[in-house]
Amino acid sequence: MLQRSTERLDIDLLVLPDTNLILIASVIEPLRGANRIAGSELYRWRLLTPDGAPVPTTSHIAVPAEGTFQATAEDRPLFVLASYNWHRSATPALKMQLSQAARYRRIIAGIESGTWLLAEASLLDGLRATVHWEDYEDFALAYPEVGAVKDRFVIDGKRLTTSGSLPTVDLMLEVIRQRQGYSLALEVSRLFRYEQPSFHADETLSAASAGLRAHDPRVTQAVHLMEEHIEQPLVLARLARRVGVSARHLQDLFQQSIGAPPHVHYLALRLNTARRKVIETTASFADIAAATGFNSASAFARSYRASFFESPSETRRRLRRRIISSAQT
């Protein structure tokens, strides 16, 4: 699940009663966005409930299920989603099913209060995990065998946990980044522009225009400059000078703030701009290369393929086939 791949990933979502609608959307919407932006089905998901019936949410909107959760020999990742009143679902039968499922599932994730269910089933023993900040102290006391941490999401081996809805978006962006690369994750992140809450009250937040977290205003300023200079990219030294720091310091700030060096982020911005032009216009690849700061169409094509696993011409042909197929049906 967390390795570079072009294969479709199927995911099971076990949704428990009194789950927030936004929590469900936090898992599904980044995957839907990745499918739409890529123009192909990179991800598919199905919703399961303990009894196969529609599950009531905190918004009094029942979410239909595609089936009943069973501890079969499925190997697809399992995401356990819960918000309020999780303990009502923590029956001996469900805990046994989760334990049995862990024998086969490649990945099991506890989404928000789903972390409690995994801990109840002893699936987090000896591992690091996070939970909603309101529950942190109680969780740490209840499960001393689990390494409780205050973080937005935690990936520890085959277990994933998140501390809330927006941190779940962060987790899904990380899944996309590891599977399809930084460029697609960055483009998907632009669908979700928000300021991210922090466990640290004294931490200054400043949302980058790209949609990724940027806790330092100098990183935000640098990202704005990158976006303003797509056609003629600024060299790192000049970019750092405009921000008021050294090139080395700007590299450190980017790594600390968004987890990628400036050149990786800048290239992703340019490639995503180029991809939109490939999809949405009939411009020649030479013109697109020039408009996004590449020295030649061949250099652009190499970088495009390395990021998106296909050439610009293959993208256009694939999408043209989809349009023709849709028109015929």
C-alpha atoms as a PDB file:
ATOM      1  CA  MET A   1       0.000   0.000   0.000  1.00  0.00           C
ATOM      2  CA  LEU A   2       2.799   2.412   0.840  1.00  0.00           C
ATOM      3  CA  GLN A   3       5.066   1.657  -2.100  1.00  0.00           C
ATOM      4  CA  ARG A   4       5.341   3.252  -5.517  1.00  0.00           C
ATOM      5  CA  SER A   5       2.773   1.593  -7.761  1.00  0.00           C
ATOM      6  CA  THR A   6       0.583   2.152 -10.805  1.00  0.00           C
ATOM      7  CA  GLU A   7      -1.806  -0.650  -9.857  1.00  0.00           C
ATOM      8  CA  ARG A   8      -5.267   0.121  -8.514  1.00  0.00           C
ATOM      9  CA  LEU A   9      -5.567  -0.083  -4.733  1.00  0.00           C
ATOM     10  CA  ASP A  10      -8.814  -1.477  -3.290  1.00  0.00           C
ATOM     11  CA  ILE A  11      -9.633  -0.410   0.276  1.00  0.00           C
ATOM     12  CA  ASP A  12     -12.317  -1.579   2.728  1.00  0.00           C
ATOM     13  CA  LEU A  13     -13.852   0.994   5.067  1.00  0.00           C
ATOM     14  CA  LEU A  14     -15.511  -0.404   8.183  1.00  0.00           C
ATOM     15  CA  VAL A  15     -17.805   2.436   9.275  1.00  0.00           C
ATOM     16  CA  LEU A  16     -19.204   2.241  12.792  1.00  0.00           C
ATOM     17  CA  PRO A  17     -22.363   3.965  14.086  1.00  0.00           C
ATOM     18  CA  ASP A  18     -22.130   7.643  15.071  1.00  0.00           C
ATOM     19  CA  THR A  19     -19.201   8.310  12.775  1.00  0.00           C
ATOM     20  CA  ASN A  20     -18.911  11.874  11.425  1.00  0.00           C
ATOM     21  CA  LEU A  21     -19.700  12.332   7.758  1.00  0.00           C
ATOM     22  CA  ILE A  22     -16.602  14.509   7.422  1.00  0.00           C
ATOM     23  CA  LEU A  23     -14.460  11.648   8.716  1.00  0.00           C
ATOM     24  CA  ILE A  24     -15.772   9.333   6.004  1.00  0.00           C
ATOM     25  CA  ALA A  25     -15.195  12.052   3.412  1.00  0.00           C
ATOM     26  CA  SER A  26     -11.662  12.613   4.728  1.00  0.00           C
ATOM     27  CA  VAL A  27     -10.759   9.088   3.640  1.00  0.00           C
ATOM     28  CA  ILE A  28     -12.712   8.949   0.395  1.00  0.00           C
ATOM     29  CA  GLU A  29     -12.401  12.442  -1.082  1.00  0.00           C
ATOM     30  CA  PRO A  30      -8.582  12.543  -1.458  1.00  0.00           C
ATOM     31  CA  LEU A  31      -8.775   9.182  -3.235  1.00  0.00           C
ATOM     32  CA  ARG A  32     -11.604  10.409  -5.464  1.00  0.00           C
ATOM     33  CA  GLY A  33      -9.572  13.534  -6.201  1.00  0.00           C
ATOM     34  CA  ALA A  34      -6.544  11.443  -7.134  1.00  0.00           C
ATOM     35  CA  ASN A  35      -8.666   9.380  -9.528  1.00  0.00           C
ATOM     36  CA  ARG A  36     -10.112  12.497 -11.160  1.00  0.00           C
ATOM     37  CA  ILE A  37      -6.809  14.316 -11.523  1.00  0.00           C
ATOM     38  CA  ALA A  38      -4.997  11.226 -12.822  1.00  0.00           C
ATOM     39  CA  GLY A  39      -7.839  10.432 -15.204  1.00  0.00           C
ATOM     40  CA  SER A  40      -7.769   6.788 -14.156  1.00  0.00           C
ATOM     41  CA  GLU A  41      -9.043   4.611 -11.330  1.00  0.00           C
ATOM     42  CA  LEU A  42      -6.065   4.500  -9.008  1.00  0.00           C
ATOM     43  CA  TYR A  43      -8.245   3.778  -5.966  1.00  0.00           C
ATOM     44  CA  ARG A  44     -11.484   1.935  -5.310  1.00  0.00           C
ATOM     45  CA  TRP A  45     -13.241   1.618  -1.968  1.00  0.00           C
ATOM     46  CA  ARG A  46     -16.223  -0.126  -0.465  1.00  0.00           C
ATOM     47  CA  LEU A  47     -18.112   0.686   2.735  1.00  0.00           C
ATOM     48  CA  LEU A  48     -18.811  -2.117   5.190  1.00  0.00           C
ATOM     49  CA  THR A  49     -20.742  -2.091   8.454  1.00  0.00           C
ATOM     50  CA  PRO A  50     -20.897  -4.618  11.301  1.00  0.00           C
ATOM     51  CA  ASP A  51     -24.301  -5.916  10.156  1.00  0.00           C
ATOM     52  CA  GLY A  52     -24.414  -4.823   6.512  1.00  0.00           C
ATOM     53  CA  ALA A  53     -27.178  -2.300   7.198  1.00  0.00           C
ATOM     54  CA  PRO A  54     -26.907   1.442   6.521  1.00  0.00           C
ATOM     55  CA  VAL A  55     -24.952   3.025   9.368  1.00  0.00           C
ATOM     56  CA  PRO A  56     -26.332   6.101  11.185  1.00  0.00           C
ATOM     57  CA  THR A  57     -23.967   9.070  11.384  1.00  0.00           C
ATOM     58  CA  THR A  58     -23.830  12.008  13.775  1.00  0.00           C
ATOM     59  CA  SER A  59     -25.557  14.097  11.081  1.00  0.00           C
ATOM     60  CA  HIS A  60     -28.587  11.761  11.168  1.00  0.00           C
ATOM     61  CA  ILE A  61     -27.810  10.719   7.598  1.00  0.00           C
ATOM     62  CA  ALA A  62     -27.557   6.979   7.145  1.00  0.00           C
ATOM     63  CA  VAL A  63     -24.644   5.860   4.978  1.00  0.00           C
ATOM     64  CA  PRO A  64     -25.447   2.782   2.872  1.00  0.00           C
ATOM     65  CA  ALA A  65     -23.169  -0.225   3.117  1.00  0.00           C
ATOM     66  CA  GLU A  66     -21.945  -2.463   0.339  1.00  0.00           C
ATOM     67  CA  GLY A  67     -21.675  -5.440   2.638  1.00  0.00           C
ATOM     68  CA  THR A  68     -21.156  -6.899   6.093  1.00  0.00           C
ATOM     69  CA  PHE A  69     -17.698  -6.834   7.640  1.00  0.00           C
ATOM     70  CA  GLN A  70     -16.414 -10.378   8.014  1.00  0.00           C
ATOM     71  CA  ALA A  71     -13.038 -11.777   8.989  1.00  0.00           C
ATOM     72  CA  THR A  72     -12.408 -13.466   5.666  1.00  0.00           C
ATOM     73  CA  ALA A  73      -9.053 -14.013   3.980  1.00  0.00           C
ATOM     74  CA  GLU A  74      -9.127 -10.547   2.375  1.00  0.00           C
ATOM     75  CA  ASP A  75      -5.725  -8.920   2.007  1.00  0.00           C
ATOM     76  CA  ARG A  76      -6.865  -5.426   0.998  1.00  0.00           C
ATOM     77  CA  PRO A  77      -6.232  -2.621   3.522  1.00  0.00           C
ATOM     78  CA  LEU A  78      -8.910  -2.149   6.183  1.00  0.00           C
ATOM     79  CA  PHE A  79      -9.767   1.288   7.575  1.00  0.00           C
ATOM     80  CA  VAL A  80     -11.794   1.289  10.807  1.00  0.00           C
ATOM     81  CA  LEU A  81     -13.731   4.558  11.111  1.00  0.00           C
ATOM     82  CA  ALA A  82     -15.335   5.683  14.369  1.00  0.00           C
ATOM     83  CA  SER A  83     -16.125   8.994  16.052  1.00  0.00           C
ATOM     84  CA  TYR A  84     -18.511   8.968  19.017  1.00  0.00           C
ATOM     85  CA  ASN A  85     -19.724   6.088  21.184  1.00  0.00           C
ATOM     86  CA  TRP A  86     -17.099   3.740  19.785  1.00  0.00           C
ATOM     87  CA  HIS A  87     -17.378   1.542  22.910  1.00  0.00           C
ATOM     88  CA  ARG A  88     -20.899   0.477  21.865  1.00  0.00           C
ATOM     89  CA  SER A  89     -19.377  -1.174  18.832  1.00  0.00           C
ATOM     90  CA  ALA A  90     -16.495  -2.794  20.717  1.00  0.00           C
ATOM     91  CA  THR A  91     -18.283  -6.087  21.195  1.00  0.00           C
ATOM     92  CA  PRO A  92     -16.346  -9.295  21.800  1.00  0.00           C
ATOM     93  CA  ALA A  93     -17.499 -10.475  18.367  1.00  0.00           C
ATOM     94  CA  LEU A  94     -16.164  -7.406  16.534  1.00  0.00           C
ATOM     95  CA  LYS A  95     -12.882  -7.466  18.434  1.00  0.00           C
ATOM     96  CA  MET A  96     -12.466 -11.122  17.512  1.00  0.00           C
ATOM     97  CA  GLN A  97     -13.213 -10.312  13.862  1.00  0.00           C
ATOM     98  CA  LEU A  98     -10.595  -7.558  13.856  1.00  0.00           C
ATOM     99  CA  SER A  99      -8.005  -9.885  15.386  1.00  0.00           C
ATOM    100  CA  GLN A 100      -8.756 -12.534  12.780  1.00  0.00           C
ATOM    101  CA  ALA A 101      -8.695  -9.989   9.955  1.00  0.00           C
ATOM    102  CA  ALA A 102      -5.232  -8.885  11.057  1.00  0.00           C
ATOM    103  CA  ARG A 103      -3.889 -12.283   9.971  1.00  0.00           C
ATOM    104  CA  TYR A 104      -4.611 -11.454   6.353  1.00  0.00           C
ATOM    105  CA  ARG A 105      -4.926  -7.690   5.929  1.00  0.00           C
ATOM    106  CA  ARG A 106      -1.806  -5.979   4.629  1.00  0.00           C
ATOM    107  CA  ILE A 107      -2.715  -2.780   6.453  1.00  0.00           C
ATOM    108  CA  ILE A 108      -5.213  -1.943   9.200  1.00  0.00           C
ATOM    109  CA  ALA A 109      -5.877   1.709  10.015  1.00  0.00           C
ATOM    110  CA  GLY A 110      -7.635   3.227  13.004  1.00  0.00           C
ATOM    111  CA  ILE A 111      -9.285   6.446  11.843  1.00  0.00           C
ATOM    112  CA  GLU A 112      -9.926   8.864  14.744  1.00  0.00           C
ATOM    113  CA  SER A 113     -11.746   6.766  17.386  1.00  0.00           C
ATOM    114  CA  GLY A 114     -11.059   3.703  15.287  1.00  0.00           C
ATOM    115  CA  THR A 115      -7.724   3.739  17.137  1.00  0.00           C
ATOM    116  CA  TRP A 116      -9.596   2.680  20.290  1.00  0.00           C
ATOM    117  CA  LEU A 117     -11.074  -0.332  18.485  1.00  0.00           C
ATOM    118  CA  LEU A 118      -7.641  -1.454  17.299  1.00  0.00           C
ATOM    119  CA  ALA A 119      -6.255  -1.059  20.818  1.00  0.00           C
ATOM    120  CA  GLU A 120      -9.187  -3.041  22.251  1.00  0.00           C
ATOM    121  CA  ALA A 121      -8.389  -5.834  19.817  1.00  0.00           C
ATOM    122  CA  SER A 122      -4.705  -5.739  20.897  1.00  0.00           C
ATOM    123  CA  LEU A 123      -3.631  -4.751  17.392  1.00  0.00           C
ATOM    124  CA  LEU A 124      -1.507  -1.812  18.560  1.00  0.00           C
ATOM    125  CA  ASP A 125       0.509  -3.507  21.296  1.00  0.00           C
ATOM    126  CA  GLY A 126       4.135  -2.421  21.143  1.00  0.00           C
ATOM    127  CA  LEU A 127       3.425   0.119  18.412  1.00  0.00           C
ATOM    128  CA  ARG A 128       3.117   3.897  18.236  1.00  0.00           C
ATOM    129  CA  ALA A 129      -0.357   5.294  17.691  1.00  0.00           C
ATOM    130  CA  THR A 130      -2.270   8.548  17.866  1.00  0.00           C
ATOM    131  CA  VAL A 131      -5.832   9.418  18.776  1.00  0.00           C
ATOM    132  CA  HIS A 132      -8.042  12.516  18.907  1.00  0.00           C
ATOM    133  CA  TRP A 133      -6.417  15.158  21.119  1.00  0.00           C
ATOM    134  CA  GLU A 134      -9.419  15.224  23.482  1.00  0.00           C
ATOM    135  CA  ASP A 135      -8.908  11.517  24.191  1.00  0.00           C
ATOM    136  CA  TYR A 136      -5.137  11.431  24.378  1.00  0.00           C
ATOM    137  CA  GLU A 137      -4.704  11.290  28.173  1.00  0.00           C
ATOM    138  CA  ASP A 138      -7.461   8.704  28.637  1.00  0.00           C
ATOM    139  CA  PHE A 139      -6.110   6.584  25.806  1.00  0.00           C
ATOM    140  CA  ALA A 140      -2.543   6.663  27.148  1.00  0.00           C
ATOM    141  CA  LEU A 141      -3.758   5.556  30.587  1.00  0.00           C
ATOM    142  CA  ALA A 142      -6.054   2.854  29.229  1.00  0.00           C
ATOM    143  CA  TYR A 143      -3.441   1.245  26.968  1.00  0.00           C
ATOM    144  CA  PRO A 144       0.051   1.527  28.483  1.00  0.00           C
ATOM    145  CA  GLU A 145       1.215  -1.182  26.077  1.00  0.00           C
ATOM    146  CA  VAL A 146       0.624   1.225  23.179  1.00  0.00           C
ATOM    147  CA  GLY A 147       3.084   4.053  22.528  1.00  0.00           C
ATOM    148  CA  ALA A 148       0.581   6.914  22.456  1.00  0.00           C
ATOM    149  CA  VAL A 149       1.913  10.046  20.747  1.00  0.00           C
ATOM    150  CA  LYS A 150       0.507  13.475  20.018  1.00  0.00           C
ATOM    151  CA  ASP A 151       0.667  13.608  16.260  1.00  0.00           C
ATOM    152  CA  ARG A 152      -1.647  14.140  13.322  1.00  0.00           C
ATOM    153  CA  PHE A 153      -1.180  10.614  11.984  1.00  0.00           C
ATOM    154  CA  VAL A 154       1.176   7.739  12.687  1.00  0.00           C
ATOM    155  CA  ILE A 155       2.397   4.985  10.379  1.00  0.00           C
ATOM    156  CA  ASP A 156       4.045   2.175  12.313  1.00  0.00           C
ATOM    157  CA  GLY A 157       4.559  -0.950  10.264  1.00  0.00           C
ATOM    158  CA  LYS A 158       1.202  -2.357   9.204  1.00  0.00           C
ATOM    159  CA  ARG A 159      -0.793  -0.063  11.480  1.00  0.00           C
ATOM    160  CA  LEU A 160      -1.967   3.442  10.638  1.00  0.00           C
ATOM    161  CA  THR A 161      -3.773   5.775  13.046  1.00  0.00           C
ATOM    162  CA  THR A 162      -5.088   9.330  12.816  1.00  0.00           C
ATOM    163  CA  SER A 163      -6.151  11.965  15.340  1.00  0.00           C
ATOM    164  CA  GLY A 164      -9.143  13.459  13.524  1.00  0.00           C
ATOM    165  CA  SER A 165     -10.763  14.379  10.220  1.00  0.00           C
ATOM    166  CA  LEU A 166      -8.215  16.837   8.802  1.00  0.00           C
ATOM    167  CA  PRO A 167      -5.280  14.694   9.952  1.00  0.00           C
ATOM    168  CA  THR A 168      -6.937  11.862   8.041  1.00  0.00           C
ATOM    169  CA  VAL A 169      -6.725  14.002   4.901  1.00  0.00           C
ATOM    170  CA  ASP A 170      -3.009  14.335   5.663  1.00  0.00           C
ATOM    171  CA  LEU A 171      -2.691  10.553   5.922  1.00  0.00           C
ATOM    172  CA  MET A 172      -4.456   9.985   2.616  1.00  0.00           C
ATOM    173  CA  LEU A 173      -2.205  12.564   0.937  1.00  0.00           C
ATOM    174  CA  GLU A 174       0.788  10.662   2.317  1.00  0.00           C
ATOM    175  CA  VAL A 175      -0.592   7.406   0.886  1.00  0.00           C
ATOM    176  CA  ILE A 176      -0.975   9.090  -2.509  1.00  0.00           C
ATOM    177  CA  ARG A 177       2.520  10.589  -2.247  1.00  0.00           C
ATOM    178  CA  GLN A 178       4.122   7.237  -1.509  1.00  0.00           C
ATOM    179  CA  ARG A 179       2.189   5.414  -4.236  1.00  0.00           C
ATOM    180  CA  GLN A 180       2.001   7.976  -7.057  1.00  0.00           C
ATOM    181  CA  GLY A 181       4.599  10.575  -6.104  1.00  0.00           C
ATOM    182  CA  TYR A 182       4.825  14.099  -4.782  1.00  0.00           C
ATOM    183  CA  SER A 183       3.326  15.827  -7.823  1.00  0.00           C
ATOM    184  CA  LEU A 184      -0.038  14.078  -7.638  1.00  0.00           C
ATOM    185  CA  ALA A 185      -0.205  14.422  -3.852  1.00  0.00           C
ATOM    186  CA  LEU A 186       0.460  18.141  -4.204  1.00  0.00           C
ATOM    187  CA  GLU A 187      -2.252  18.533  -6.838  1.00  0.00           C
ATOM    188  CA  VAL A 188      -4.770  16.634  -4.702  1.00  0.00           C
ATOM    189  CA  SER A 189      -3.835  18.753  -1.690  1.00  0.00           C
ATOM    190  CA  ARG A 190      -4.916  21.858  -3.590  1.00  0.00           C
ATOM    191  CA  LEU A 191      -8.480  20.553  -3.308  1.00  0.00           C
ATOM    192  CA  PHE A 192      -8.256  20.871   0.470  1.00  0.00           C
ATOM    193  CA  ARG A 193      -7.044  24.309   1.515  1.00  0.00           C
ATOM    194  CA  TYR A 194      -7.145  24.661   5.237  1.00  0.00           C
ATOM    195  CA  GLU A 195      -5.115  25.781   8.228  1.00  0.00           C
ATOM    196  CA  GLN A 196      -4.154  22.783  10.240  1.00  0.00           C
ATOM    197  CA  PRO A 197      -4.654  22.776  14.012  1.00  0.00           C
ATOM    198  CA  SER A 198      -1.695  21.857  16.162  1.00  0.00           C
ATOM    199  CA  PHE A 199      -1.123  20.174  19.488  1.00  0.00           C
ATOM    200  CA  HIS A 200       1.234  23.056  20.258  1.00  0.00           C
ATOM    201  CA  ALA A 201      -0.640  26.234  21.152  1.00  0.00           C
ATOM    202  CA  ASP A 202       2.386  28.455  20.500  1.00  0.00           C
ATOM    203  CA  GLU A 203       2.930  27.132  16.981  1.00  0.00           C
ATOM    204  CA  THR A 204       2.319  29.688  14.229  1.00  0.00           C
ATOM    205  CA  LEU A 205       0.221  28.371  11.350  1.00  0.00           C
ATOM    206  CA  SER A 206       0.246  29.720   7.838  1.00  0.00           C
ATOM    207  CA  ALA A 207      -1.469  27.761   5.094  1.00  0.00           C
ATOM    208  CA  ALA A 208       0.564  27.596   1.895  1.00  0.00           C
ATOM    209  CA  SER A 209      -1.248  28.424  -1.296  1.00  0.00           C
ATOM    210  CA  ALA A 210      -0.439  24.903  -2.494  1.00  0.00           C
ATOM    211  CA  GLY A 211      -2.659  23.406   0.202  1.00  0.00           C
ATOM    212  CA  LEU A 212       0.110  21.592   2.068  1.00  0.00           C
ATOM    213  CA  ARG A 213       1.023  22.548   5.595  1.00  0.00           C
ATOM    214  CA  ALA A 214       3.582  25.345   5.851  1.00  0.00           C
ATOM    215  CA  HIS A 215       4.296  26.390   9.422  1.00  0.00           C
ATOM    216  CA  ASP A 216       6.844  29.022   8.433  1.00  0.00           C
ATOM    217  CA  PRO A 217       5.772  32.196   6.599  1.00  0.00           C
ATOM    218  CA  ARG A 218       9.050  32.154   4.644  1.00  0.00           C
ATOM    219  CA  VAL A 219       8.081  28.811   3.135  1.00  0.00           C
ATOM    220  CA  THR A 220       4.669  30.215   2.235  1.00  0.00           C
ATOM    221  CA  GLN A 221       6.332  33.235   0.619  1.00  0.00           C
ATOM    222  CA  ALA A 222       8.705  30.989  -1.317  1.00  0.00           C
ATOM    223  CA  VAL A 223       5.803  28.848  -2.570  1.00  0.00           C
ATOM    224  CA  HIS A 224       3.990  31.980  -3.758  1.00  0.00           C
ATOM    225  CA  LEU A 225       7.133  33.041  -5.647  1.00  0.00           C
ATOM    226  CA  MET A 226       7.400  29.601  -7.213  1.00  0.00           C
ATOM    227  CA  GLU A 227       3.800  29.777  -8.398  1.00  0.00           C
ATOM    228  CA  GLU A 228       4.403  33.227  -9.863  1.00  0.00           C
ATOM    229  CA  HIS A 229       7.498  32.057 -11.755  1.00  0.00           C
ATOM    230  CA  ILE A 230       6.473  28.834 -13.477  1.00  0.00           C
ATOM    231  CA  GLU A 231       7.569  29.816 -16.984  1.00  0.00           C
ATOM    232  CA  GLN A 232      10.986  31.105 -15.869  1.00  0.00           C
ATOM    233  CA  PRO A 233      11.846  29.270 -12.639  1.00  0.00           C
ATOM    234  CA  LEU A 234      13.950  31.054 -10.056  1.00  0.00           C
ATOM    235  CA  VAL A 235      17.214  29.409  -9.046  1.00  0.00           C
ATOM    236  CA  LEU A 236      17.395  28.404  -5.388  1.00  0.00           C
ATOM    237  CA  ALA A 237      19.875  31.136  -4.458  1.00  0.00           C
ATOM    238  CA  ARG A 238      17.661  33.863  -5.890  1.00  0.00           C
ATOM    239  CA  LEU A 239      14.536  32.383  -4.350  1.00  0.00           C
ATOM    240  CA  ALA A 240      16.209  32.281  -0.938  1.00  0.00           C
ATOM    241  CA  ARG A 241      17.454  35.853  -1.339  1.00  0.00           C
ATOM    242  CA  ARG A 242      13.920  37.044  -2.115  1.00  0.00           C
ATOM    243  CA  VAL A 243      12.689  35.328   1.051  1.00  0.00           C
ATOM    244  CA  GLY A 244      15.553  36.700   3.142  1.00  0.00           C
ATOM    245  CA  VAL A 245      17.403  33.523   4.099  1.00  0.00           C
ATOM    246  CA  SER A 246      20.335  31.494   2.802  1.00  0.00           C
ATOM    247  CA  ALA A 247      19.793  28.743   0.266  1.00  0.00           C
ATOM    248  CA  ARG A 248      20.789  26.107   2.824  1.00  0.00           C
ATOM    249  CA  HIS A 249      18.402  27.523   5.407  1.00  0.00           C
ATOM    250  CA  LEU A 250      15.529  27.594   2.921  1.00  0.00           C
ATOM    251  CA  GLN A 251      16.159  23.931   2.142  1.00  0.00           C
ATOM    252  CA  ASP A 252      15.964  23.129   5.852  1.00  0.00           C
ATOM    253  CA  LEU A 253      12.770  25.163   6.264  1.00  0.00           C
ATOM    254  CA  PHE A 254      11.064  23.326   3.402  1.00  0.00           C
ATOM    255  CA  GLN A 255      12.088  19.939   4.739  1.00  0.00           C
ATOM    256  CA  GLN A 256      10.830  20.775   8.217  1.00  0.00           C
ATOM    257  CA  SER A 257       7.605  22.402   7.038  1.00  0.00           C
ATOM    258  CA  ILE A 258       6.289  20.304   4.139  1.00  0.00           C
ATOM    259  CA  GLY A 259       8.640  17.335   4.111  1.00  0.00           C
ATOM    260  CA  ALA A 260      10.218  18.015   0.715  1.00  0.00           C
ATOM    261  CA  PRO A 261      13.136  20.150  -0.498  1.00  0.00           C
ATOM    262  CA  PRO A 262      12.423  23.298  -2.564  1.00  0.00           C
ATOM    263  CA  HIS A 263      13.456  21.810  -5.911  1.00  0.00           C
ATOM    264  CA  VAL A 264      11.082  18.861  -5.499  1.00  0.00           C
ATOM    265  CA  HIS A 265       8.171  21.141  -4.637  1.00  0.00           C
ATOM    266  CA  TYR A 266       9.001  23.548  -7.462  1.00  0.00           C
ATOM    267  CA  LEU A 267       9.228  20.757 -10.027  1.00  0.00           C
ATOM    268  CA  ALA A 268       5.890  19.350  -8.836  1.00  0.00           C
ATOM    269  CA  LEU A 269       4.231  22.750  -9.290  1.00  0.00           C
ATOM    270  CA  ARG A 270       5.589  23.033 -12.830  1.00  0.00           C
ATOM    271  CA  LEU A 271       4.664  19.472 -13.779  1.00  0.00           C
ATOM    272  CA  ASN A 272       1.142  19.853 -12.401  1.00  0.00           C
ATOM    273  CA  THR A 273       0.715  23.052 -14.405  1.00  0.00           C
ATOM    274  CA  ALA A 274       1.999  21.218 -17.471  1.00  0.00           C
ATOM    275  CA  ARG A 275      -0.325  18.276 -16.848  1.00  0.00           C
ATOM    276  CA  ARG A 276      -3.341  20.577 -16.738  1.00  0.00           C
ATOM    277  CA  LYS A 277      -2.268  22.040 -20.087  1.00  0.00           C
ATOM    278  CA  VAL A 278      -1.829  18.567 -21.548  1.00  0.00           C
ATOM    279  CA  ILE A 279      -5.335  17.595 -20.432  1.00  0.00           C
ATOM    280  CA  GLU A 280      -7.235  20.846 -20.904  1.00  0.00           C
ATOM    281  CA  THR A 281      -5.645  22.349 -24.035  1.00  0.00           C
ATOM    282  CA  THR A 282      -4.475  21.310 -27.484  1.00  0.00           C
ATOM    283  CA  ALA A 283      -1.163  23.170 -27.131  1.00  0.00           C
ATOM    284  CA  SER A 284       1.907  21.451 -28.537  1.00  0.00           C
ATOM    285  CA  PHE A 285       4.219  19.747 -26.081  1.00  0.00           C
ATOM    286  CA  ALA A 286       6.998  22.141 -27.087  1.00  0.00           C
ATOM    287  CA  ASP A 287       4.796  25.102 -26.144  1.00  0.00           C
ATOM    288  CA  ILE A 288       3.798  23.448 -22.866  1.00  0.00           C
ATOM    289  CA  ALA A 289       7.454  22.749 -22.083  1.00  0.00           C
ATOM    290  CA  ALA A 290       8.363  26.397 -22.699  1.00  0.00           C
ATOM    291  CA  ALA A 291       5.416  27.630 -20.609  1.00  0.00           C
ATOM    292  CA  THR A 292       6.458  25.538 -17.623  1.00  0.00           C
ATOM    293  CA  GLY A 293      10.181  26.216 -17.576  1.00  0.00           C
ATOM    294  CA  PHE A 294      11.641  23.203 -19.399  1.00  0.00           C
ATOM    295  CA  ASN A 295      14.521  23.663 -21.819  1.00  0.00           C
ATOM    296  CA  SER A 296      13.073  21.324 -24.435  1.00  0.00           C
ATOM    297  CA  ALA A 297      10.102  19.116 -25.210  1.00  0.00           C
ATOM    298  CA  SER A 298      12.263  16.020 -24.668  1.00  0.00           C
ATOM    299  CA  ALA A 299      13.380  17.185 -21.208  1.00  0.00           C
ATOM    300  CA  PHE A 300       9.761  17.907 -20.373  1.00  0.00           C
ATOM    301  CA  ALA A 301       8.644  14.472 -21.595  1.00  0.00           C
ATOM    302  CA  ARG A 302      11.288  12.680 -19.502  1.00  0.00           C
ATOM    303  CA  SER A 303      10.338  14.537 -16.339  1.00  0.00           C
ATOM    304  CA  TYR A 304       6.620  14.068 -17.058  1.00  0.00           C
ATOM    305  CA  ARG A 305       6.992  10.304 -17.484  1.00  0.00           C
ATOM    306  CA  ALA A 306       9.105   9.985 -14.339  1.00  0.00           C
ATOM    307  CA  SER A 307       6.375  11.689 -12.344  1.00  0.00           C
ATOM    308  CA  PHE A 308       3.165  10.384 -13.947  1.00  0.00           C
ATOM    309  CA  PHE A 309       4.253   6.980 -15.333  1.00  0.00           C
ATOM    310  CA  GLU A 310       3.220   7.903 -18.881  1.00  0.00           C
ATOM    311  CA  SER A 311       4.225  10.362 -21.580  1.00  0.00           C
ATOM    312  CA  PRO A 312       2.201  13.519 -22.351  1.00  0.00           C
ATOM    313  CA  SER A 313       1.019  11.946 -25.604  1.00  0.00           C
ATOM    314  CA  GLU A 314      -0.086   8.803 -23.756  1.00  0.00           C
ATOM    315  CA  THR A 315      -2.096  10.956 -21.347  1.00  0.00           C
ATOM    316  CA  ARG A 316      -3.917  12.632 -24.217  1.00  0.00           C
ATOM    317  CA  ARG A 317      -4.572   9.348 -26.018  1.00  0.00           C
ATOM    318  CA  ARG A 318      -5.881   7.674 -22.860  1.00  0.00           C
ATOM    319  CA  LEU A 319      -8.238  10.527 -22.021  1.00  0.00           C
ATOM    320  CA  ARG A 320      -9.393  10.740 -25.656  1.00  0.00           C
ATOM    321  CA  ARG A 321     -10.304   7.049 -25.526  1.00  0.00           C
ATOM    322  CA  ARG A 322     -12.277   7.625 -22.336  1.00  0.00           C
ATOM    323  CA  ILE A 323     -14.219  10.482 -23.934  1.00  0.00           C
ATOM    324  CA  ILE A 324     -15.015   8.371 -27.011  1.00  0.00           C
ATOM    325  CA  SER A 325     -16.047   5.414 -24.829  1.00  0.00           C
ATOM    326  CA  SER A 326     -18.314   7.611 -22.695  1.00  0.00           C
ATOM    327  CA  ALA A 327     -19.929   9.111 -25.801  1.00  0.00           C
ATOM    328  CA  GLN A 328     -20.651   5.649 -27.208  1.00  0.00           C
ATOM    329  CA  THR A 329     -22.330   4.478 -24.008  1.00  0.00           C
END
